[in-house]
Amino acid sequence: MASQRNGTLYTGFCNSLSRRVYQHREGLIPGFTKQYGVKRLVWYELHDDMHEAIDREARIKRWKRAWKLNLIEAENPDWRDLFFEIAHD
């Protein structure tokens, strides 16, 4: 998630992406995302295995910022908010 194009980034995992993004968008979760206005879903991955998702999140969190920006822009070069694409689940 991001606050804006090239803005503050947040990486996390959950079991219901649309619910979790909604919570962040509406400021329902106190903490980092609320404090920094991180409300836009700009990239995501789906995993069938929770442990795989947790491991992937941990790896991405250790990445350099430039690598994260490249990951986002490879799939979403315009930094569109993808929330409405996934809001049905």
PDB file of N, CA and C in Angstrom:
ATOM      1  N   MET A   1       0.850  -1.168   0.000  1.00  0.00           N
ATOM      2  CA  MET A   1       0.000   0.000   0.000  1.00  0.00           C
ATOM      3  C   MET A   1       0.894   1.228   0.000  1.00  0.00           C
ATOM      4  N   ALA A   2       0.319   2.359  -0.447  1.00  0.00           N
ATOM      5  CA  ALA A   2       1.091   3.595  -0.542  1.00  0.00           C
ATOM      6  C   ALA A   2       0.208   4.789  -0.189  1.00  0.00           C
ATOM      7  N   SER A   3       0.867   5.853   0.235  1.00  0.00           N
ATOM      8  CA  SER A   3       0.150   7.092   0.513  1.00  0.00           C
ATOM      9  C   SER A   3      -0.126   7.851  -0.787  1.00  0.00           C
ATOM     10  N   GLN A   4       0.777   7.720  -1.735  1.00  0.00           N
ATOM     11  CA  GLN A   4       0.669   8.357  -3.043  1.00  0.00           C
ATOM     12  C   GLN A   4       1.781   7.781  -3.912  1.00  0.00           C
ATOM     13  N   ARG A   5       1.859   8.198  -5.157  1.00  0.00           N
ATOM     14  CA  ARG A   5       2.938   7.730  -6.022  1.00  0.00           C
ATOM     15  C   ARG A   5       4.282   8.098  -5.388  1.00  0.00           C
ATOM     16  N   ASN A   6       5.157   7.125  -5.256  1.00  0.00           N
ATOM     17  CA  ASN A   6       6.478   7.301  -4.651  1.00  0.00           C
ATOM     18  C   ASN A   6       6.407   7.833  -3.218  1.00  0.00           C
ATOM     19  N   GLY A   7       5.283   7.638  -2.557  1.00  0.00           N
ATOM     20  CA  GLY A   7       5.116   8.109  -1.178  1.00  0.00           C
ATOM     21  C   GLY A   7       5.508   7.040  -0.170  1.00  0.00           C
ATOM     22  N   THR A   8       4.905   7.128   0.988  1.00  0.00           N
ATOM     23  CA  THR A   8       5.142   6.166   2.052  1.00  0.00           C
ATOM     24  C   THR A   8       4.580   4.815   1.643  1.00  0.00           C
ATOM     25  N   LEU A   9       5.360   3.752   1.866  1.00  0.00           N
ATOM     26  CA  LEU A   9       4.953   2.400   1.511  1.00  0.00           C
ATOM     27  C   LEU A   9       4.689   1.570   2.753  1.00  0.00           C
ATOM     28  N   TYR A  10       3.764   0.627   2.624  1.00  0.00           N
ATOM     29  CA  TYR A  10       3.456  -0.318   3.704  1.00  0.00           C
ATOM     30  C   TYR A  10       3.315  -1.696   3.089  1.00  0.00           C
ATOM     31  N   THR A  11       3.919  -2.674   3.716  1.00  0.00           N
ATOM     32  CA  THR A  11       3.811  -4.060   3.287  1.00  0.00           C
ATOM     33  C   THR A  11       3.214  -4.877   4.419  1.00  0.00           C
ATOM     34  N   GLY A  12       2.231  -5.698   4.112  1.00  0.00           N
ATOM     35  CA  GLY A  12       1.624  -6.549   5.125  1.00  0.00           C
ATOM     36  C   GLY A  12       0.942  -7.731   4.466  1.00  0.00           C
ATOM     37  N   PHE A  13       0.474  -8.652   5.286  1.00  0.00           N
ATOM     38  CA  PHE A  13      -0.277  -9.786   4.758  1.00  0.00           C
ATOM     39  C   PHE A  13      -1.554  -9.935   5.576  1.00  0.00           C
ATOM     40  N   CYS A  14      -2.537 -10.600   4.998  1.00  0.00           N
ATOM     41  CA  CYS A  14      -3.816 -10.789   5.673  1.00  0.00           C
ATOM     42  C   CYS A  14      -4.549 -11.962   5.030  1.00  0.00           C
ATOM     43  N   ASN A  15      -5.668 -12.343   5.623  1.00  0.00           N
ATOM     44  CA  ASN A  15      -6.453 -13.440   5.049  1.00  0.00           C
ATOM     45  C   ASN A  15      -7.655 -12.936   4.251  1.00  0.00           C
ATOM     46  N   SER A  16      -7.931 -11.633   4.293  1.00  0.00           N
ATOM     47  CA  SER A  16      -8.997 -11.029   3.477  1.00  0.00           C
ATOM     48  C   SER A  16      -8.505  -9.669   2.998  1.00  0.00           C
ATOM     49  N   LEU A  17      -8.006  -9.632   1.788  1.00  0.00           N
ATOM     50  CA  LEU A  17      -7.381  -8.418   1.269  1.00  0.00           C
ATOM     51  C   LEU A  17      -8.373  -7.262   1.204  1.00  0.00           C
ATOM     52  N   SER A  18      -9.557  -7.501   0.679  1.00  0.00           N
ATOM     53  CA  SER A  18     -10.508  -6.389   0.543  1.00  0.00           C
ATOM     54  C   SER A  18     -10.898  -5.827   1.908  1.00  0.00           C
ATOM     55  N   ARG A  19     -11.111  -6.688   2.891  1.00  0.00           N
ATOM     56  CA  ARG A  19     -11.447  -6.213   4.238  1.00  0.00           C
ATOM     57  C   ARG A  19     -10.311  -5.392   4.833  1.00  0.00           C
ATOM     58  N   ARG A  20      -9.093  -5.897   4.712  1.00  0.00           N
ATOM     59  CA  ARG A  20      -7.939  -5.220   5.303  1.00  0.00           C
ATOM     60  C   ARG A  20      -7.676  -3.868   4.627  1.00  0.00           C
ATOM     61  N   VAL A  21      -7.764  -3.823   3.311  1.00  0.00           N
ATOM     62  CA  VAL A  21      -7.560  -2.560   2.602  1.00  0.00           C
ATOM     63  C   VAL A  21      -8.652  -1.565   2.999  1.00  0.00           C
ATOM     64  N   TYR A  22      -9.886  -2.023   3.095  1.00  0.00           N
ATOM     65  CA  TYR A  22     -10.977  -1.150   3.530  1.00  0.00           C
ATOM     66  C   TYR A  22     -10.669  -0.554   4.898  1.00  0.00           C
ATOM     67  N   GLN A  23     -10.199  -1.382   5.814  1.00  0.00           N
ATOM     68  CA  GLN A  23      -9.857  -0.897   7.160  1.00  0.00           C
ATOM     69  C   GLN A  23      -8.786   0.189   7.098  1.00  0.00           C
ATOM     70  N   HIS A  24      -7.777  -0.004   6.278  1.00  0.00           N
ATOM     71  CA  HIS A  24      -6.725   1.010   6.124  1.00  0.00           C
ATOM     72  C   HIS A  24      -7.274   2.275   5.468  1.00  0.00           C
ATOM     73  N   ARG A  25      -8.064   2.116   4.420  1.00  0.00           N
ATOM     74  CA  ARG A  25      -8.630   3.268   3.702  1.00  0.00           C
ATOM     75  C   ARG A  25      -9.477   4.142   4.614  1.00  0.00           C
ATOM     76  N   GLU A  26     -10.215   3.513   5.493  1.00  0.00           N
ATOM     77  CA  GLU A  26     -11.130   4.238   6.375  1.00  0.00           C
ATOM     78  C   GLU A  26     -10.469   4.687   7.680  1.00  0.00           C
ATOM     79  N   GLY A  27      -9.198   4.358   7.868  1.00  0.00           N
ATOM     80  CA  GLY A  27      -8.490   4.753   9.084  1.00  0.00           C
ATOM     81  C   GLY A  27      -8.973   4.023  10.321  1.00  0.00           C
ATOM     82  N   LEU A  28      -9.453   2.787  10.159  1.00  0.00           N
ATOM     83  CA  LEU A  28     -10.003   2.015  11.268  1.00  0.00           C
ATOM     84  C   LEU A  28      -8.935   1.319  12.101  1.00  0.00           C
ATOM     85  N   ILE A  29      -7.711   1.294  11.597  1.00  0.00           N
ATOM     86  CA  ILE A  29      -6.622   0.612  12.288  1.00  0.00           C
ATOM     87  C   ILE A  29      -5.607   1.653  12.737  1.00  0.00           C
ATOM     88  N   PRO A  30      -5.456   1.818  14.055  1.00  0.00           N
ATOM     89  CA  PRO A  30      -4.454   2.787  14.517  1.00  0.00           C
ATOM     90  C   PRO A  30      -3.045   2.292  14.194  1.00  0.00           C
ATOM     91  N   GLY A  31      -2.136   3.220  14.009  1.00  0.00           N
ATOM     92  CA  GLY A  31      -0.756   2.834  13.766  1.00  0.00           C
ATOM     93  C   GLY A  31      -0.180   3.492  12.532  1.00  0.00           C
ATOM     94  N   PHE A  32       0.793   2.822  11.949  1.00  0.00           N
ATOM     95  CA  PHE A  32       1.602   3.359  10.855  1.00  0.00           C
ATOM     96  C   PHE A  32       0.776   3.860   9.682  1.00  0.00           C
ATOM     97  N   THR A  33      -0.123   3.015   9.159  1.00  0.00           N
ATOM     98  CA  THR A  33      -0.853   3.400   7.952  1.00  0.00           C
ATOM     99  C   THR A  33      -1.769   4.590   8.211  1.00  0.00           C
ATOM    100  N   LYS A  34      -2.379   4.637   9.358  1.00  0.00           N
ATOM    101  CA  LYS A  34      -3.244   5.776   9.684  1.00  0.00           C
ATOM    102  C   LYS A  34      -2.412   7.040   9.864  1.00  0.00           C
ATOM    103  N   GLN A  35      -1.301   6.929  10.578  1.00  0.00           N
ATOM    104  CA  GLN A  35      -0.438   8.079  10.853  1.00  0.00           C
ATOM    105  C   GLN A  35       0.101   8.706   9.569  1.00  0.00           C
ATOM    106  N   TYR A  36       0.465   7.859   8.595  1.00  0.00           N
ATOM    107  CA  TYR A  36       1.099   8.357   7.375  1.00  0.00           C
ATOM    108  C   TYR A  36       0.154   8.414   6.168  1.00  0.00           C
ATOM    109  N   GLY A  37      -1.125   8.188   6.371  1.00  0.00           N
ATOM    110  CA  GLY A  37      -2.091   8.297   5.292  1.00  0.00           C
ATOM    111  C   GLY A  37      -1.909   7.280   4.186  1.00  0.00           C
ATOM    112  N   VAL A  38      -1.522   6.080   4.552  1.00  0.00           N
ATOM    113  CA  VAL A  38      -1.294   5.012   3.576  1.00  0.00           C
ATOM    114  C   VAL A  38      -2.635   4.322   3.321  1.00  0.00           C
ATOM    115  N   LYS A  39      -3.271   4.666   2.190  1.00  0.00           N
ATOM    116  CA  LYS A  39      -4.632   4.203   1.925  1.00  0.00           C
ATOM    117  C   LYS A  39      -4.833   3.575   0.558  1.00  0.00           C
ATOM    118  N   ARG A  40      -3.825   3.600  -0.287  1.00  0.00           N
ATOM    119  CA  ARG A  40      -3.981   3.132  -1.664  1.00  0.00           C
ATOM    120  C   ARG A  40      -3.338   1.769  -1.864  1.00  0.00           C
ATOM    121  N   LEU A  41      -4.106   0.823  -2.354  1.00  0.00           N
ATOM    122  CA  LEU A  41      -3.570  -0.486  -2.713  1.00  0.00           C
ATOM    123  C   LEU A  41      -2.953  -0.355  -4.093  1.00  0.00           C
ATOM    124  N   VAL A  42      -1.637  -0.447  -4.168  1.00  0.00           N
ATOM    125  CA  VAL A  42      -0.955  -0.263  -5.453  1.00  0.00           C
ATOM    126  C   VAL A  42      -0.306  -1.544  -5.972  1.00  0.00           C
ATOM    127  N   TRP A  43      -0.277  -2.573  -5.145  1.00  0.00           N
ATOM    128  CA  TRP A  43       0.319  -3.844  -5.560  1.00  0.00           C
ATOM    129  C   TRP A  43      -0.098  -4.910  -4.557  1.00  0.00           C
ATOM    130  N   TYR A  44      -0.261  -6.144  -5.027  1.00  0.00           N
ATOM    131  CA  TYR A  44      -0.543  -7.258  -4.118  1.00  0.00           C
ATOM    132  C   TYR A  44      -0.178  -8.573  -4.788  1.00  0.00           C
ATOM    133  N   GLU A  45      -0.001  -9.569  -3.960  1.00  0.00           N
ATOM    134  CA  GLU A  45       0.214 -10.945  -4.404  1.00  0.00           C
ATOM    135  C   GLU A  45      -0.758 -11.829  -3.639  1.00  0.00           C
ATOM    136  N   LEU A  46      -1.226 -12.869  -4.291  1.00  0.00           N
ATOM    137  CA  LEU A  46      -2.069 -13.856  -3.628  1.00  0.00           C
ATOM    138  C   LEU A  46      -1.257 -15.129  -3.430  1.00  0.00           C
ATOM    139  N   HIS A  47      -1.426 -15.743  -2.270  1.00  0.00           N
ATOM    140  CA  HIS A  47      -0.732 -16.989  -1.944  1.00  0.00           C
ATOM    141  C   HIS A  47      -1.736 -17.989  -1.408  1.00  0.00           C
ATOM    142  N   ASP A  48      -1.562 -19.252  -1.749  1.00  0.00           N
ATOM    143  CA  ASP A  48      -2.436 -20.304  -1.237  1.00  0.00           C
ATOM    144  C   ASP A  48      -2.042 -20.751   0.165  1.00  0.00           C
ATOM    145  N   ASP A  49      -0.797 -20.510   0.528  1.00  0.00           N
ATOM    146  CA  ASP A  49      -0.278 -20.975   1.809  1.00  0.00           C
ATOM    147  C   ASP A  49       0.079 -19.786   2.709  1.00  0.00           C
ATOM    148  N   MET A  50      -0.478 -19.754   3.925  1.00  0.00           N
ATOM    149  CA  MET A  50      -0.248 -18.652   4.840  1.00  0.00           C
ATOM    150  C   MET A  50       1.236 -18.489   5.196  1.00  0.00           C
ATOM    151  N   HIS A  51       1.925 -19.596   5.393  1.00  0.00           N
ATOM    152  CA  HIS A  51       3.349 -19.520   5.752  1.00  0.00           C
ATOM    153  C   HIS A  51       4.175 -18.935   4.611  1.00  0.00           C
ATOM    154  N   GLU A  52       3.816 -19.284   3.391  1.00  0.00           N
ATOM    155  CA  GLU A  52       4.484 -18.715   2.218  1.00  0.00           C
ATOM    156  C   GLU A  52       4.258 -17.204   2.168  1.00  0.00           C
ATOM    157  N   ALA A  53       3.029 -16.771   2.455  1.00  0.00           N
ATOM    158  CA  ALA A  53       2.708 -15.336   2.451  1.00  0.00           C
ATOM    159  C   ALA A  53       3.488 -14.590   3.527  1.00  0.00           C
ATOM    160  N   ILE A  54       3.594 -15.172   4.694  1.00  0.00           N
ATOM    161  CA  ILE A  54       4.343 -14.548   5.799  1.00  0.00           C
ATOM    162  C   ILE A  54       5.809 -14.420   5.435  1.00  0.00           C
ATOM    163  N   ASP A  55       6.364 -15.473   4.858  1.00  0.00           N
ATOM    164  CA  ASP A  55       7.775 -15.440   4.446  1.00  0.00           C
ATOM    165  C   ASP A  55       8.013 -14.389   3.366  1.00  0.00           C
ATOM    166  N   ARG A  56       7.107 -14.307   2.407  1.00  0.00           N
ATOM    167  CA  ARG A  56       7.246 -13.322   1.326  1.00  0.00           C
ATOM    168  C   ARG A  56       7.171 -11.901   1.881  1.00  0.00           C
ATOM    169  N   GLU A  57       6.245 -11.663   2.789  1.00  0.00           N
ATOM    170  CA  GLU A  57       6.134 -10.343   3.415  1.00  0.00           C
ATOM    171  C   GLU A  57       7.442  -9.972   4.107  1.00  0.00           C
ATOM    172  N   ALA A  58       7.999 -10.890   4.862  1.00  0.00           N
ATOM    173  CA  ALA A  58       9.250 -10.626   5.582  1.00  0.00           C
ATOM    174  C   ALA A  58      10.385 -10.306   4.610  1.00  0.00           C
ATOM    175  N   ARG A  59      10.454 -11.038   3.499  1.00  0.00           N
ATOM    176  CA  ARG A  59      11.507 -10.776   2.511  1.00  0.00           C
ATOM    177  C   ARG A  59      11.338  -9.390   1.895  1.00  0.00           C
ATOM    178  N   ILE A  60      10.120  -9.054   1.497  1.00  0.00           N
ATOM    179  CA  ILE A  60       9.881  -7.752   0.864  1.00  0.00           C
ATOM    180  C   ILE A  60      10.183  -6.614   1.837  1.00  0.00           C
ATOM    181  N   LYS A  61       9.851  -6.775   3.092  1.00  0.00           N
ATOM    182  CA  LYS A  61      10.124  -5.724   4.081  1.00  0.00           C
ATOM    183  C   LYS A  61      11.614  -5.436   4.203  1.00  0.00           C
ATOM    184  N   ARG A  62      12.452  -6.419   3.917  1.00  0.00           N
ATOM    185  CA  ARG A  62      13.908  -6.223   4.002  1.00  0.00           C
ATOM    186  C   ARG A  62      14.492  -5.615   2.731  1.00  0.00           C
ATOM    187  N   TRP A  63      13.705  -5.551   1.663  1.00  0.00           N
ATOM    188  CA  TRP A  63      14.191  -5.017   0.391  1.00  0.00           C
ATOM    189  C   TRP A  63      14.491  -3.532   0.484  1.00  0.00           C
ATOM    190  N   LYS A  64      15.383  -3.101  -0.400  1.00  0.00           N
ATOM    191  CA  LYS A  64      15.633  -1.673  -0.574  1.00  0.00           C
ATOM    192  C   LYS A  64      14.386  -1.034  -1.182  1.00  0.00           C
ATOM    193  N   ARG A  65      14.190   0.240  -0.876  1.00  0.00           N
ATOM    194  CA  ARG A  65      13.028   0.965  -1.394  1.00  0.00           C
ATOM    195  C   ARG A  65      12.953   0.907  -2.922  1.00  0.00           C
ATOM    196  N   ALA A  66      14.084   1.067  -3.594  1.00  0.00           N
ATOM    197  CA  ALA A  66      14.095   1.053  -5.058  1.00  0.00           C
ATOM    198  C   ALA A  66      13.552  -0.268  -5.597  1.00  0.00           C
ATOM    199  N   TRP A  67      13.843  -1.368  -4.947  1.00  0.00           N
ATOM    200  CA  TRP A  67      13.350  -2.668  -5.387  1.00  0.00           C
ATOM    201  C   TRP A  67      11.830  -2.725  -5.249  1.00  0.00           C
ATOM    202  N   LYS A  68      11.316  -2.169  -4.150  1.00  0.00           N
ATOM    203  CA  LYS A  68       9.867  -2.149  -3.946  1.00  0.00           C
ATOM    204  C   LYS A  68       9.189  -1.286  -5.004  1.00  0.00           C
ATOM    205  N   LEU A  69       9.781  -0.143  -5.321  1.00  0.00           N
ATOM    206  CA  LEU A  69       9.215   0.726  -6.355  1.00  0.00           C
ATOM    207  C   LEU A  69       9.195   0.006  -7.700  1.00  0.00           C
ATOM    208  N   ASN A  70      10.258  -0.708  -8.020  1.00  0.00           N
ATOM    209  CA  ASN A  70      10.313  -1.470  -9.278  1.00  0.00           C
ATOM    210  C   ASN A  70       9.244  -2.558  -9.305  1.00  0.00           C
ATOM    211  N   LEU A  71       9.022  -3.212  -8.190  1.00  0.00           N
ATOM    212  CA  LEU A  71       8.003  -4.255  -8.098  1.00  0.00           C
ATOM    213  C   LEU A  71       6.616  -3.671  -8.393  1.00  0.00           C
ATOM    214  N   ILE A  72       6.314  -2.536  -7.774  1.00  0.00           N
ATOM    215  CA  ILE A  72       5.023  -1.873  -7.998  1.00  0.00           C
ATOM    216  C   ILE A  72       4.898  -1.449  -9.457  1.00  0.00           C
ATOM    217  N   GLU A  73       5.897  -0.759  -9.964  1.00  0.00           N
ATOM    218  CA  GLU A  73       5.799  -0.173 -11.303  1.00  0.00           C
ATOM    219  C   GLU A  73       5.824  -1.206 -12.425  1.00  0.00           C
ATOM    220  N   ALA A  74       6.337  -2.390 -12.148  1.00  0.00           N
ATOM    221  CA  ALA A  74       6.308  -3.452 -13.159  1.00  0.00           C
ATOM    222  C   ALA A  74       4.872  -3.883 -13.452  1.00  0.00           C
ATOM    223  N   GLU A  75       4.012  -3.860 -12.459  1.00  0.00           N
ATOM    224  CA  GLU A  75       2.621  -4.282 -12.619  1.00  0.00           C
ATOM    225  C   GLU A  75       1.641  -3.112 -12.661  1.00  0.00           C
ATOM    226  N   ASN A  76       2.025  -1.986 -12.072  1.00  0.00           N
ATOM    227  CA  ASN A  76       1.107  -0.856 -11.926  1.00  0.00           C
ATOM    228  C   ASN A  76       1.871   0.460 -12.149  1.00  0.00           C
ATOM    229  N   PRO A  77       2.308   0.714 -13.376  1.00  0.00           N
ATOM    230  CA  PRO A  77       3.162   1.880 -13.633  1.00  0.00           C
ATOM    231  C   PRO A  77       2.491   3.222 -13.338  1.00  0.00           C
ATOM    232  N   ASP A  78       1.171   3.259 -13.339  1.00  0.00           N
ATOM    233  CA  ASP A  78       0.455   4.507 -13.065  1.00  0.00           C
ATOM    234  C   ASP A  78       0.062   4.650 -11.592  1.00  0.00           C
ATOM    235  N   TRP A  79       0.428   3.681 -10.789  1.00  0.00           N
ATOM    236  CA  TRP A  79       0.113   3.680  -9.357  1.00  0.00           C
ATOM    237  C   TRP A  79      -1.394   3.824  -9.116  1.00  0.00           C
ATOM    238  N   ARG A  80      -2.183   3.125  -9.938  1.00  0.00           N
ATOM    239  CA  ARG A  80      -3.635   3.127  -9.742  1.00  0.00           C
ATOM    240  C   ARG A  80      -3.981   2.485  -8.406  1.00  0.00           C
ATOM    241  N   ASP A  81      -5.057   2.937  -7.789  1.00  0.00           N
ATOM    242  CA  ASP A  81      -5.562   2.302  -6.573  1.00  0.00           C
ATOM    243  C   ASP A  81      -6.316   1.055  -7.010  1.00  0.00           C
ATOM    244  N   LEU A  82      -5.842  -0.110  -6.625  1.00  0.00           N
ATOM    245  CA  LEU A  82      -6.393  -1.386  -7.063  1.00  0.00           C
ATOM    246  C   LEU A  82      -7.531  -1.889  -6.182  1.00  0.00           C
ATOM    247  N   PHE A  83      -7.919  -1.117  -5.188  1.00  0.00           N
ATOM    248  CA  PHE A  83      -8.938  -1.565  -4.241  1.00  0.00           C
ATOM    249  C   PHE A  83     -10.217  -2.023  -4.936  1.00  0.00           C
ATOM    250  N   PHE A  84     -10.703  -1.253  -5.886  1.00  0.00           N
ATOM    251  CA  PHE A  84     -11.979  -1.597  -6.521  1.00  0.00           C
ATOM    252  C   PHE A  84     -11.877  -2.806  -7.433  1.00  0.00           C
ATOM    253  N   GLU A  85     -10.673  -3.208  -7.792  1.00  0.00           N
ATOM    254  CA  GLU A  85     -10.479  -4.424  -8.561  1.00  0.00           C
ATOM    255  C   GLU A  85     -10.607  -5.666  -7.687  1.00  0.00           C
ATOM    256  N   ILE A  86     -10.361  -5.523  -6.400  1.00  0.00           N
ATOM    257  CA  ILE A  86     -10.384  -6.688  -5.489  1.00  0.00           C
ATOM    258  C   ILE A  86     -11.531  -6.600  -4.485  1.00  0.00           C
ATOM    259  N   ALA A  87     -12.311  -5.545  -4.490  1.00  0.00           N
ATOM    260  CA  ALA A  87     -13.317  -5.294  -3.457  1.00  0.00           C
ATOM    261  C   ALA A  87     -14.436  -6.321  -3.421  1.00  0.00           C
ATOM    262  N   HIS A  88     -14.532  -7.160  -4.407  1.00  0.00           N
ATOM    263  CA  HIS A  88     -15.597  -8.152  -4.467  1.00  0.00           C
ATOM    264  C   HIS A  88     -15.338  -9.387  -3.614  1.00  0.00           C
ATOM    265  N   ASP A  89     -14.078  -9.631  -3.183  1.00  0.00           N
ATOM    266  CA  ASP A  89     -13.811 -10.901  -2.468  1.00  0.00           C
ATOM    267  C   ASP A  89     -14.214 -10.879  -1.021  1.00  0.00           C
TER     268      ASP A  89
END
